[in-house]
Amino acid sequence: MSARWLRGAAATAATAAFLVPASLVPASLFQAAPALAHAAQAPARTSAHGTPAPAAVAKKLFGAWLRADRHAASGAATAGAVSTLFSYPFRAPDEFAGCSGNACRFVHTSVRVPGGLGGILMIVSGAKVTKVYESRHLVKPSAAAGYLFDAWRRGDRNRGLEVATTTAVKTLFRTKYDPKGVKYYFQGCSSEPKGYNCAYSYDGGAMFMHVRGSKSRGYEVTSIGYIAD
């Protein structure tokens, strides 16, 4: 199947995000989200079983991050979760969006960041955050497409939402990736109106990931289409 045959179709909307150098994070985070910073310092609540409630654990980690206190953060999260959070490329989310079970979200309400997470998602287990998902800043269309494809291969929707809209993730995850099924071959990305079209071919057809954004704002997959041979 030729790369020329694989070019086609369009999607919508670009992203707009504001990057903050890591060296500026401690001072700027409190200024950007004073109410959230105050909430993160609120007394921790416990569940009926005596363990901290997921929201309390998430806010404890968030507060440590705002203070750039890795030592305190390590008491509230695993090493991997701390490392992920402290590498967040955008300024701090300004709203705590609550928890769904053990999954707690902090979101942006004043800026647009790539992906459907809209900020930071923390997975809590017991008294610690064991996993952090966050909006990613990817500087190549192919990187966004590859990241989403890898998330699908792993069966990890939250990972997919780091770089793709909820619509794109919903479309892709309608079908479960089958490692023993048809093989996908990445055919690269080509320009299309308002963005890029990144294609994966397979026996019998192809999948197109429509990517929007820019190097400075970051790229995200906004929609997905399929075509049959």
C-alpha atoms as a PDB file:
ATOM      1  CA  MET A   1       0.000   0.000   0.000  1.00  0.00           C
ATOM      2  CA  SER A   2       1.604   3.324  -1.086  1.00  0.00           C
ATOM      3  CA  ALA A   3       2.021   6.397   1.085  1.00  0.00           C
ATOM      4  CA  ARG A   4       0.350   8.439  -1.652  1.00  0.00           C
ATOM      5  CA  TRP A   5      -2.787   6.294  -1.416  1.00  0.00           C
ATOM      6  CA  LEU A   6      -2.884   6.857   2.317  1.00  0.00           C
ATOM      7  CA  ARG A   7      -3.131  10.645   2.193  1.00  0.00           C
ATOM      8  CA  GLY A   8      -6.586  12.109   2.806  1.00  0.00           C
ATOM      9  CA  ALA A   9      -9.377  13.573   4.996  1.00  0.00           C
ATOM     10  CA  ALA A  10      -9.513  16.429   7.508  1.00  0.00           C
ATOM     11  CA  ALA A  11     -10.467  17.138  11.132  1.00  0.00           C
ATOM     12  CA  THR A  12     -10.820  20.135  13.447  1.00  0.00           C
ATOM     13  CA  ALA A  13      -9.341  22.596  15.938  1.00  0.00           C
ATOM     14  CA  ALA A  14      -5.851  23.477  17.127  1.00  0.00           C
ATOM     15  CA  THR A  15      -4.652  23.619  20.715  1.00  0.00           C
ATOM     16  CA  ALA A  16      -3.421  26.561  22.792  1.00  0.00           C
ATOM     17  CA  ALA A  17      -1.186  25.998  25.817  1.00  0.00           C
ATOM     18  CA  PHE A  18       1.205  28.088  27.861  1.00  0.00           C
ATOM     19  CA  LEU A  19       4.544  26.594  28.806  1.00  0.00           C
ATOM     20  CA  VAL A  20       6.299  27.566  32.017  1.00  0.00           C
ATOM     21  CA  PRO A  21      10.014  26.831  32.498  1.00  0.00           C
ATOM     22  CA  ALA A  22      10.638  24.372  35.331  1.00  0.00           C
ATOM     23  CA  SER A  23      12.743  26.946  37.167  1.00  0.00           C
ATOM     24  CA  LEU A  24       9.705  29.223  37.464  1.00  0.00           C
ATOM     25  CA  VAL A  25       7.278  26.591  38.721  1.00  0.00           C
ATOM     26  CA  PRO A  26       7.446  27.041  42.522  1.00  0.00           C
ATOM     27  CA  ALA A  27       6.684  30.769  42.607  1.00  0.00           C
ATOM     28  CA  SER A  28       4.281  30.876  39.697  1.00  0.00           C
ATOM     29  CA  LEU A  29       2.089  27.960  40.709  1.00  0.00           C
ATOM     30  CA  PHE A  30       0.752  29.580  43.892  1.00  0.00           C
ATOM     31  CA  GLN A  31       0.153  32.849  42.036  1.00  0.00           C
ATOM     32  CA  ALA A  32      -1.735  31.061  39.255  1.00  0.00           C
ATOM     33  CA  ALA A  33      -3.963  28.990  41.547  1.00  0.00           C
ATOM     34  CA  PRO A  34      -4.192  30.470  45.069  1.00  0.00           C
ATOM     35  CA  ALA A  35      -7.541  28.856  45.890  1.00  0.00           C
ATOM     36  CA  LEU A  36      -6.326  25.463  44.784  1.00  0.00           C
ATOM     37  CA  ALA A  37      -3.074  25.881  46.688  1.00  0.00           C
ATOM     38  CA  HIS A  38      -5.089  26.627  49.826  1.00  0.00           C
ATOM     39  CA  ALA A  39      -7.279  23.578  49.242  1.00  0.00           C
ATOM     40  CA  ALA A  40      -4.210  21.402  48.832  1.00  0.00           C
ATOM     41  CA  GLN A  41      -3.094  22.399  52.325  1.00  0.00           C
ATOM     42  CA  ALA A  42      -6.462  21.594  53.938  1.00  0.00           C
ATOM     43  CA  PRO A  43      -6.549  18.904  56.665  1.00  0.00           C
ATOM     44  CA  ALA A  44      -6.618  15.378  55.232  1.00  0.00           C
ATOM     45  CA  ARG A  45      -9.823  13.394  55.600  1.00  0.00           C
ATOM     46  CA  THR A  46      -9.951   9.662  56.087  1.00  0.00           C
ATOM     47  CA  SER A  47     -12.251   6.978  54.766  1.00  0.00           C
ATOM     48  CA  ALA A  48     -14.447   4.718  56.886  1.00  0.00           C
ATOM     49  CA  HIS A  49     -11.603   2.182  56.878  1.00  0.00           C
ATOM     50  CA  GLY A  50      -9.144   4.630  58.414  1.00  0.00           C
ATOM     51  CA  THR A  51      -7.103   5.176  55.240  1.00  0.00           C
ATOM     52  CA  PRO A  52      -6.859   8.661  53.724  1.00  0.00           C
ATOM     53  CA  ALA A  53      -9.570   9.493  51.207  1.00  0.00           C
ATOM     54  CA  PRO A  54      -8.274   9.587  47.593  1.00  0.00           C
ATOM     55  CA  ALA A  55      -8.927  13.339  47.378  1.00  0.00           C
ATOM     56  CA  ALA A  56      -6.843  13.980  50.489  1.00  0.00           C
ATOM     57  CA  VAL A  57      -3.936  11.940  49.144  1.00  0.00           C
ATOM     58  CA  ALA A  58      -4.086  13.643  45.738  1.00  0.00           C
ATOM     59  CA  LYS A  59      -4.225  17.118  47.273  1.00  0.00           C
ATOM     60  CA  LYS A  60      -1.299  16.295  49.545  1.00  0.00           C
ATOM     61  CA  LEU A  61       0.828  15.412  46.523  1.00  0.00           C
ATOM     62  CA  PHE A  62      -0.420  18.417  44.585  1.00  0.00           C
ATOM     63  CA  GLY A  63       0.463  20.736  47.455  1.00  0.00           C
ATOM     64  CA  ALA A  64       3.970  19.277  47.720  1.00  0.00           C
ATOM     65  CA  TRP A  65       4.416  19.828  43.991  1.00  0.00           C
ATOM     66  CA  LEU A  66       3.282  23.445  44.275  1.00  0.00           C
ATOM     67  CA  ARG A  67       5.949  23.971  46.933  1.00  0.00           C
ATOM     68  CA  ALA A  68       8.540  22.119  44.836  1.00  0.00           C
ATOM     69  CA  ASP A  69       9.012  19.824  47.833  1.00  0.00           C
ATOM     70  CA  ARG A  70      10.092  16.450  46.448  1.00  0.00           C
ATOM     71  CA  HIS A  71      10.686  15.042  49.918  1.00  0.00           C
ATOM     72  CA  ALA A  72       7.071  15.694  50.951  1.00  0.00           C
ATOM     73  CA  ALA A  73       5.864  14.460  47.567  1.00  0.00           C
ATOM     74  CA  SER A  74       7.699  11.150  48.043  1.00  0.00           C
ATOM     75  CA  GLY A  75       5.644  10.602  51.190  1.00  0.00           C
ATOM     76  CA  ALA A  76       2.439  10.871  49.210  1.00  0.00           C
ATOM     77  CA  ALA A  77       3.361   9.096  45.975  1.00  0.00           C
ATOM     78  CA  THR A  78       5.555   6.481  44.369  1.00  0.00           C
ATOM     79  CA  ALA A  79       8.852   7.525  42.796  1.00  0.00           C
ATOM     80  CA  GLY A  80       7.423   7.149  39.299  1.00  0.00           C
ATOM     81  CA  ALA A  81       4.395   9.303  40.089  1.00  0.00           C
ATOM     82  CA  VAL A  82       6.591  12.013  41.609  1.00  0.00           C
ATOM     83  CA  SER A  83       8.918  11.993  38.608  1.00  0.00           C
ATOM     84  CA  THR A  84       6.007  12.339  36.186  1.00  0.00           C
ATOM     85  CA  LEU A  85       4.334  15.154  38.097  1.00  0.00           C
ATOM     86  CA  PHE A  86       7.517  17.177  38.548  1.00  0.00           C
ATOM     87  CA  SER A  87       8.113  17.078  34.796  1.00  0.00           C
ATOM     88  CA  TYR A  88       4.728  18.644  33.964  1.00  0.00           C
ATOM     89  CA  PRO A  89       5.412  21.156  31.158  1.00  0.00           C
ATOM     90  CA  PHE A  90       2.497  23.527  31.744  1.00  0.00           C
ATOM     91  CA  ARG A  91       1.635  25.921  34.534  1.00  0.00           C
ATOM     92  CA  ALA A  92      -0.411  24.493  37.398  1.00  0.00           C
ATOM     93  CA  PRO A  93      -4.044  23.490  36.867  1.00  0.00           C
ATOM     94  CA  ASP A  94      -6.322  25.910  38.689  1.00  0.00           C
ATOM     95  CA  GLU A  95      -9.222  23.654  39.658  1.00  0.00           C
ATOM     96  CA  PHE A  96      -9.657  20.389  41.539  1.00  0.00           C
ATOM     97  CA  ALA A  97     -12.273  18.465  39.552  1.00  0.00           C
ATOM     98  CA  GLY A  98     -12.892  15.820  42.198  1.00  0.00           C
ATOM     99  CA  CYS A  99     -12.391  12.068  42.238  1.00  0.00           C
ATOM    100  CA  SER A 100     -14.150   9.229  40.456  1.00  0.00           C
ATOM    101  CA  GLY A 101     -13.355   6.282  42.660  1.00  0.00           C
ATOM    102  CA  ASN A 102      -9.597   6.413  43.138  1.00  0.00           C
ATOM    103  CA  ALA A 103      -8.952   8.643  40.111  1.00  0.00           C
ATOM    104  CA  CYS A 104      -8.597  12.350  40.995  1.00  0.00           C
ATOM    105  CA  ARG A 105      -8.281  15.223  38.532  1.00  0.00           C
ATOM    106  CA  PHE A 106      -6.810  18.710  38.549  1.00  0.00           C
ATOM    107  CA  VAL A 107      -7.811  20.697  35.457  1.00  0.00           C
ATOM    108  CA  HIS A 108      -7.116  23.956  33.655  1.00  0.00           C
ATOM    109  CA  THR A 109     -10.015  26.362  33.241  1.00  0.00           C
ATOM    110  CA  SER A 110      -8.171  29.331  31.752  1.00  0.00           C
ATOM    111  CA  VAL A 111      -5.846  27.713  29.186  1.00  0.00           C
ATOM    112  CA  ARG A 112      -6.169  24.914  26.640  1.00  0.00           C
ATOM    113  CA  VAL A 113      -3.667  22.077  26.875  1.00  0.00           C
ATOM    114  CA  PRO A 114      -3.323  19.107  24.485  1.00  0.00           C
ATOM    115  CA  GLY A 115      -5.355  15.964  25.057  1.00  0.00           C
ATOM    116  CA  GLY A 116      -8.582  15.115  26.798  1.00  0.00           C
ATOM    117  CA  LEU A 117      -7.281  15.063  30.372  1.00  0.00           C
ATOM    118  CA  GLY A 118      -7.203  18.846  30.550  1.00  0.00           C
ATOM    119  CA  GLY A 119      -4.448  18.723  33.151  1.00  0.00           C
ATOM    120  CA  ILE A 120      -3.427  16.071  35.670  1.00  0.00           C
ATOM    121  CA  LEU A 121      -5.011  12.760  36.678  1.00  0.00           C
ATOM    122  CA  MET A 122      -3.782  10.946  39.797  1.00  0.00           C
ATOM    123  CA  ILE A 123      -4.510   7.297  40.552  1.00  0.00           C
ATOM    124  CA  VAL A 124      -4.588   6.662  44.303  1.00  0.00           C
ATOM    125  CA  SER A 125      -4.027   3.357  46.053  1.00  0.00           C
ATOM    126  CA  GLY A 126      -4.257   3.389  49.831  1.00  0.00           C
ATOM    127  CA  ALA A 127      -2.222   6.285  51.205  1.00  0.00           C
ATOM    128  CA  LYS A 128      -0.228   7.005  48.046  1.00  0.00           C
ATOM    129  CA  VAL A 129      -0.614   8.185  44.471  1.00  0.00           C
ATOM    130  CA  THR A 130       0.698   5.285  42.433  1.00  0.00           C
ATOM    131  CA  LYS A 131       0.288   6.708  38.924  1.00  0.00           C
ATOM    132  CA  VAL A 132       0.117  10.172  37.396  1.00  0.00           C
ATOM    133  CA  TYR A 133      -1.255  10.893  33.936  1.00  0.00           C
ATOM    134  CA  GLU A 134      -0.794  14.383  32.528  1.00  0.00           C
ATOM    135  CA  SER A 135      -1.290  16.482  29.422  1.00  0.00           C
ATOM    136  CA  ARG A 136       1.787  16.058  27.239  1.00  0.00           C
ATOM    137  CA  HIS A 137       3.716  18.554  25.155  1.00  0.00           C
ATOM    138  CA  LEU A 138       4.837  16.695  22.037  1.00  0.00           C
ATOM    139  CA  VAL A 139       6.612  18.682  19.356  1.00  0.00           C
ATOM    140  CA  LYS A 140       6.052  16.384  16.354  1.00  0.00           C
ATOM    141  CA  PRO A 141       2.773  15.160  14.806  1.00  0.00           C
ATOM    142  CA  SER A 142       4.266  11.681  14.454  1.00  0.00           C
ATOM    143  CA  ALA A 143       5.072  11.637  18.187  1.00  0.00           C
ATOM    144  CA  ALA A 144       1.427  12.330  19.083  1.00  0.00           C
ATOM    145  CA  ALA A 145       0.214   9.611  16.719  1.00  0.00           C
ATOM    146  CA  GLY A 146       2.771   7.115  17.987  1.00  0.00           C
ATOM    147  CA  TYR A 147       2.008   7.876  21.631  1.00  0.00           C
ATOM    148  CA  LEU A 148      -1.715   7.319  21.094  1.00  0.00           C
ATOM    149  CA  PHE A 149      -1.114   4.110  19.153  1.00  0.00           C
ATOM    150  CA  ASP A 150       1.092   2.814  21.979  1.00  0.00           C
ATOM    151  CA  ALA A 151      -1.607   3.660  24.542  1.00  0.00           C
ATOM    152  CA  TRP A 152      -4.109   1.666  22.477  1.00  0.00           C
ATOM    153  CA  ARG A 153      -1.683  -1.241  22.230  1.00  0.00           C
ATOM    154  CA  ARG A 154      -1.367  -1.205  26.037  1.00  0.00           C
ATOM    155  CA  GLY A 155      -5.113  -0.877  26.543  1.00  0.00           C
ATOM    156  CA  ASP A 156      -4.580   2.319  28.570  1.00  0.00           C
ATOM    157  CA  ARG A 157      -7.263   4.935  27.854  1.00  0.00           C
ATOM    158  CA  ASN A 158      -5.862   7.469  30.314  1.00  0.00           C
ATOM    159  CA  ARG A 159      -2.500   7.334  28.586  1.00  0.00           C
ATOM    160  CA  GLY A 160      -4.270   7.978  25.297  1.00  0.00           C
ATOM    161  CA  LEU A 161      -6.021  11.012  26.762  1.00  0.00           C
ATOM    162  CA  GLU A 162      -2.637  12.566  27.513  1.00  0.00           C
ATOM    163  CA  VAL A 163      -2.218  13.306  23.791  1.00  0.00           C
ATOM    164  CA  ALA A 164      -5.642  12.899  22.193  1.00  0.00           C
ATOM    165  CA  THR A 165      -9.158  14.254  22.519  1.00  0.00           C
ATOM    166  CA  THR A 166     -11.871  12.209  24.183  1.00  0.00           C
ATOM    167  CA  THR A 167     -13.487  11.768  20.759  1.00  0.00           C
ATOM    168  CA  ALA A 168     -10.327  10.320  19.222  1.00  0.00           C
ATOM    169  CA  VAL A 169      -9.734   7.997  22.180  1.00  0.00           C
ATOM    170  CA  LYS A 170     -13.340   6.806  22.168  1.00  0.00           C
ATOM    171  CA  THR A 171     -13.120   6.017  18.454  1.00  0.00           C
ATOM    172  CA  LEU A 172      -9.819   4.145  18.716  1.00  0.00           C
ATOM    173  CA  PHE A 173     -10.728   2.144  21.810  1.00  0.00           C
ATOM    174  CA  ARG A 174     -13.991   0.868  20.355  1.00  0.00           C
ATOM    175  CA  THR A 175     -11.847  -1.994  19.130  1.00  0.00           C
ATOM    176  CA  LYS A 176      -9.385  -3.753  21.397  1.00  0.00           C
ATOM    177  CA  TYR A 177      -5.863  -4.053  20.072  1.00  0.00           C
ATOM    178  CA  ASP A 178      -5.119  -7.666  19.217  1.00  0.00           C
ATOM    179  CA  PRO A 179      -1.389  -8.524  19.273  1.00  0.00           C
ATOM    180  CA  LYS A 180      -2.170 -11.668  17.301  1.00  0.00           C
ATOM    181  CA  GLY A 181      -4.390  -9.875  14.819  1.00  0.00           C
ATOM    182  CA  VAL A 182      -3.584  -7.771  11.770  1.00  0.00           C
ATOM    183  CA  LYS A 183      -0.260  -5.909  11.798  1.00  0.00           C
ATOM    184  CA  TYR A 184      -0.217  -2.111  11.586  1.00  0.00           C
ATOM    185  CA  TYR A 185       2.451  -0.283   9.626  1.00  0.00           C
ATOM    186  CA  PHE A 186       3.138   3.385  10.254  1.00  0.00           C
ATOM    187  CA  GLN A 187       3.225   5.264   6.942  1.00  0.00           C
ATOM    188  CA  GLY A 188       4.262   8.668   8.270  1.00  0.00           C
ATOM    189  CA  CYS A 189       2.451  11.995   8.441  1.00  0.00           C
ATOM    190  CA  SER A 190       1.520  14.351   5.617  1.00  0.00           C
ATOM    191  CA  SER A 191       0.141  17.879   5.638  1.00  0.00           C
ATOM    192  CA  GLU A 192      -3.573  18.462   5.315  1.00  0.00           C
ATOM    193  CA  PRO A 193      -5.773  21.543   5.882  1.00  0.00           C
ATOM    194  CA  LYS A 194      -5.201  22.870   9.422  1.00  0.00           C
ATOM    195  CA  GLY A 195      -2.813  20.100  10.426  1.00  0.00           C
ATOM    196  CA  TYR A 196      -1.431  16.666   9.644  1.00  0.00           C
ATOM    197  CA  ASN A 197      -2.709  13.268   8.668  1.00  0.00           C
ATOM    198  CA  CYS A 198      -0.764  10.351  10.187  1.00  0.00           C
ATOM    199  CA  ALA A 199      -1.535   6.971   8.660  1.00  0.00           C
ATOM    200  CA  TYR A 200      -1.280   3.351   9.719  1.00  0.00           C
ATOM    201  CA  SER A 201      -1.883   0.732   7.045  1.00  0.00           C
ATOM    202  CA  TYR A 202      -2.978  -2.847   7.645  1.00  0.00           C
ATOM    203  CA  ASP A 203      -4.174  -5.735   5.539  1.00  0.00           C
ATOM    204  CA  GLY A 204      -7.534  -4.617   4.202  1.00  0.00           C
ATOM    205  CA  GLY A 205      -7.380  -0.897   4.905  1.00  0.00           C
ATOM    206  CA  ALA A 206      -5.845   1.964   6.843  1.00  0.00           C
ATOM    207  CA  MET A 207      -6.341   4.125   9.904  1.00  0.00           C
ATOM    208  CA  PHE A 208      -5.817   7.888   9.809  1.00  0.00           C
ATOM    209  CA  MET A 209      -5.007   9.978  12.875  1.00  0.00           C
ATOM    210  CA  HIS A 210      -5.724  13.660  12.301  1.00  0.00           C
ATOM    211  CA  VAL A 211      -3.292  15.779  14.302  1.00  0.00           C
ATOM    212  CA  ARG A 212      -3.569  19.461  15.165  1.00  0.00           C
ATOM    213  CA  GLY A 213      -1.375  21.956  17.008  1.00  0.00           C
ATOM    214  CA  SER A 214       2.138  23.323  16.598  1.00  0.00           C
ATOM    215  CA  LYS A 215       5.632  22.786  17.944  1.00  0.00           C
ATOM    216  CA  SER A 216       5.223  25.600  20.470  1.00  0.00           C
ATOM    217  CA  ARG A 217       1.720  24.617  21.635  1.00  0.00           C
ATOM    218  CA  GLY A 218       2.196  20.874  21.318  1.00  0.00           C
ATOM    219  CA  TYR A 219       0.387  18.399  19.047  1.00  0.00           C
ATOM    220  CA  GLU A 220      -2.682  16.274  19.789  1.00  0.00           C
ATOM    221  CA  VAL A 221      -4.751  13.738  17.865  1.00  0.00           C
ATOM    222  CA  THR A 222      -8.201  15.248  17.400  1.00  0.00           C
ATOM    223  CA  SER A 223      -9.992  12.560  15.387  1.00  0.00           C
ATOM    224  CA  ILE A 224      -9.532   9.188  13.748  1.00  0.00           C
ATOM    225  CA  GLY A 225     -10.847   7.809  10.476  1.00  0.00           C
ATOM    226  CA  TYR A 226     -10.671   4.503   8.645  1.00  0.00           C
ATOM    227  CA  ILE A 227     -10.696   3.470   5.017  1.00  0.00           C
ATOM    228  CA  ALA A 228     -11.193   0.013   3.491  1.00  0.00           C
ATOM    229  CA  ASP A 229      -9.170  -1.406   0.639  1.00  0.00           C
END
